[in-house]
C-alpha atoms as a PDB file:
ATOM      1  CA  MET A   1     -80.296-180.282  57.324  1.00  0.00           C
ATOM      2  CA  PRO A   2     -79.586-177.666  59.929  1.00  0.00           C
ATOM      3  CA  SER A   3     -80.234-178.655  63.922  1.00  0.00           C
ATOM      4  CA  SER A   4     -81.964-176.232  65.907  1.00  0.00           C
ATOM      5  CA  GLY A   5     -80.481-174.403  68.950  1.00  0.00           C
ATOM      6  CA  SER A   6     -78.357-172.087  69.240  1.00  0.00           C
ATOM      7  CA  ILE A   7     -74.479-171.567  68.510  1.00  0.00           C
ATOM      8  CA  ALA A   8     -73.567-170.778  71.875  1.00  0.00           C
ATOM      9  CA  ASP A   9     -75.592-174.039  73.005  1.00  0.00           C
ATOM     10  CA  LYS A  10     -73.414-176.222  70.589  1.00  0.00           C
ATOM     11  CA  CYS A  11     -70.249-174.685  71.800  1.00  0.00           C
ATOM     12  CA  SER A  12     -71.553-175.793  75.108  1.00  0.00           C
ATOM     13  CA  ASP A  13     -72.691-178.789  74.358  1.00  0.00           C
ATOM     14  CA  ILE A  14     -68.485-179.574  72.471  1.00  0.00           C
ATOM     15  CA  ALA A  15     -67.019-177.482  75.134  1.00  0.00           C
ATOM     16  CA  GLU A  16     -69.060-180.429  77.567  1.00  0.00           C
ATOM     17  CA  GLN A  17     -66.752-183.428  75.652  1.00  0.00           C
ATOM     18  CA  LEU A  18     -63.893-182.390  78.243  1.00  0.00           C
ATOM     19  CA  GLY A  19     -66.107-182.352  81.283  1.00  0.00           C
ATOM     20  CA  GLY A  20     -65.121-185.831  81.605  1.00  0.00           C
ATOM     21  CA  VAL A  21     -61.400-185.873  81.709  1.00  0.00           C
ATOM     22  CA  ILE A  22     -61.159-182.771  83.311  1.00  0.00           C
ATOM     23  CA  GLU A  23     -63.152-184.037  86.349  1.00  0.00           C
ATOM     24  CA  TYR A  24     -60.999-187.387  86.489  1.00  0.00           C
ATOM     25  CA  ASP A  25     -57.563-184.856  86.304  1.00  0.00           C
ATOM     26  CA  LYS A  26     -59.050-182.421  89.659  1.00  0.00           C
ATOM     27  CA  THR A  27     -60.335-185.637  91.632  1.00  0.00           C
ATOM     28  CA  HIS A  28     -57.005-187.848  91.163  1.00  0.00           C
ATOM     29  CA  HIS A  29     -54.819-184.810  90.384  1.00  0.00           C
ATOM     30  CA  SER A  30     -53.092-186.599  86.839  1.00  0.00           C
ATOM     31  CA  ALA A  31     -52.258-184.522  83.828  1.00  0.00           C
ATOM     32  CA  LEU A  32     -54.857-186.019  81.414  1.00  0.00           C
ATOM     33  CA  THR A  33     -56.039-183.204  80.093  1.00  0.00           C
ATOM     34  CA  ASP A  34     -52.951-182.256  79.055  1.00  0.00           C
ATOM     35  CA  THR A  35     -52.208-185.493  77.520  1.00  0.00           C
ATOM     36  CA  LEU A  36     -55.227-185.747  75.985  1.00  0.00           C
ATOM     37  CA  TYR A  37     -54.724-182.767  74.050  1.00  0.00           C
ATOM     38  CA  GLU A  38     -51.347-183.243  73.134  1.00  0.00           C
ATOM     39  CA  TYR A  39     -52.383-186.477  71.107  1.00  0.00           C
ATOM     40  CA  LEU A  40     -54.782-184.657  69.440  1.00  0.00           C
ATOM     41  CA  LYS A  41     -52.091-182.212  68.528  1.00  0.00           C
ATOM     42  CA  CYS A  42     -49.686-185.200  67.573  1.00  0.00           C
ATOM     43  CA  SER A  43     -52.264-187.718  65.739  1.00  0.00           C
ATOM     44  CA  GLY A  44     -51.699-190.056  68.505  1.00  0.00           C
ATOM     45  CA  SER A  45     -47.685-190.678  67.682  1.00  0.00           C
ATOM     46  CA  VAL A  46     -46.935-191.611  71.782  1.00  0.00           C
ATOM     47  CA  GLN A  47     -43.619-190.993  70.560  1.00  0.00           C
ATOM     48  CA  HIS A  48     -44.208-187.002  69.618  1.00  0.00           C
ATOM     49  CA  ILE A  49     -46.473-186.749  72.944  1.00  0.00           C
ATOM     50  CA  SER A  50     -43.722-188.210  75.143  1.00  0.00           C
ATOM     51  CA  GLU A  51     -41.003-185.805  73.971  1.00  0.00           C
ATOM     52  CA  LYS A  52     -42.957-182.822  73.872  1.00  0.00           C
ATOM     53  CA  MET A  53     -44.602-183.692  77.844  1.00  0.00           C
ATOM     54  CA  PHE A  54     -40.814-184.902  78.798  1.00  0.00           C
ATOM     55  CA  CYS A  55     -42.647-188.298  79.897  1.00  0.00           C
ATOM     56  CA  HIS A  56     -41.665-192.039  79.179  1.00  0.00           C
ATOM     57  CA  ARG A  57     -43.771-193.406  76.591  1.00  0.00           C
ATOM     58  CA  ASN A  58     -45.079-196.234  78.957  1.00  0.00           C
ATOM     59  CA  THR A  59     -46.600-193.197  81.169  1.00  0.00           C
ATOM     60  CA  ILE A  60     -48.615-191.861  77.589  1.00  0.00           C
ATOM     61  CA  ASN A  61     -49.862-195.062  77.070  1.00  0.00           C
ATOM     62  CA  TYR A  62     -50.737-195.656  80.289  1.00  0.00           C
ATOM     63  CA  ARG A  63     -52.653-192.124  80.564  1.00  0.00           C
ATOM     64  CA  LEU A  64     -53.775-193.122  77.013  1.00  0.00           C
ATOM     65  CA  ARG A  65     -55.781-196.410  78.177  1.00  0.00           C
ATOM     66  CA  ILE A  66     -57.246-194.509  81.138  1.00  0.00           C
ATOM     67  CA  ILE A  67     -58.452-191.566  78.505  1.00  0.00           C
ATOM     68  CA  LYS A  68     -59.598-194.965  76.050  1.00  0.00           C
ATOM     69  CA  GLU A  69     -61.581-197.235  79.033  1.00  0.00           C
ATOM     70  CA  GLU A  70     -62.210-195.800  81.861  1.00  0.00           C
ATOM     71  CA  LEU A  71     -63.381-192.527  80.613  1.00  0.00           C
ATOM     72  CA  GLU A  72     -64.483-194.166  77.325  1.00  0.00           C
ATOM     73  CA  TYR A  73     -63.325-191.855  74.742  1.00  0.00           C
ATOM     74  CA  ASP A  74     -63.595-193.472  71.625  1.00  0.00           C
ATOM     75  CA  LEU A  75     -59.979-191.867  70.162  1.00  0.00           C
ATOM     76  CA  SER A  76     -60.118-194.441  66.860  1.00  0.00           C
ATOM     77  CA  ASN A  77     -63.179-191.954  65.700  1.00  0.00           C
ATOM     78  CA  ALA A  78     -62.258-189.312  63.311  1.00  0.00           C
ATOM     79  CA  GLU A  79     -65.458-187.200  64.539  1.00  0.00           C
ATOM     80  CA  VAL A  80     -64.520-187.902  68.356  1.00  0.00           C
ATOM     81  CA  ARG A  81     -61.072-186.354  67.706  1.00  0.00           C
ATOM     82  CA  PHE A  82     -62.418-183.572  65.983  1.00  0.00           C
ATOM     83  CA  GLN A  83     -64.980-182.562  68.007  1.00  0.00           C
ATOM     84  CA  LEU A  84     -62.373-182.695  71.464  1.00  0.00           C
ATOM     85  CA  MET A  85     -60.072-180.382  69.322  1.00  0.00           C
ATOM     86  CA  ALA A  86     -62.669-178.005  68.547  1.00  0.00           C
ATOM     87  CA  ALA A  87     -63.662-178.191  72.417  1.00  0.00           C
ATOM     88  CA  TYR A  88     -60.009-177.736  73.457  1.00  0.00           C
ATOM     89  CA  LYS A  89     -59.974-174.587  71.148  1.00  0.00           C
ATOM     90  CA  LEU A  90     -63.439-173.438  72.811  1.00  0.00           C
ATOM     91  CA  ARG A  91     -61.446-173.361  76.234  1.00  0.00           C
ATOM     92  CA  GLU A  92     -58.363-171.655  74.650  1.00  0.00           C
ATOM     93  CA  ILE A  93     -60.781-168.961  73.380  1.00  0.00           C
ATOM     94  CA  ARG A  94     -62.804-168.344  76.522  1.00  0.00           C
ATOM     95  CA  LYS A  95     -59.794-167.899  78.586  1.00  0.00           C
ATOM     96  CA  VAL A  96     -58.767-165.081  76.654  1.00  0.00           C
END
């Protein structure tokens, strides 16, 4: 059953998914936003993420722990991962 609300509202809701990680980065001068994006692109492979970001895998694991525990992103949930990737894609489109 289709839900009510405009497409713009739905897009805005999806984009808000990244709000927590973006705010954390601003406050702590960290790179969680980039780490999360690479996590989604690399299907969760810490080795691939560390190679792409030129970081030690322990650094990546530490960042992922913050994302999962402190920011409470459930990265084991496929729907959450899909919504996060959609939010990143919307963010890219808005920058163009």
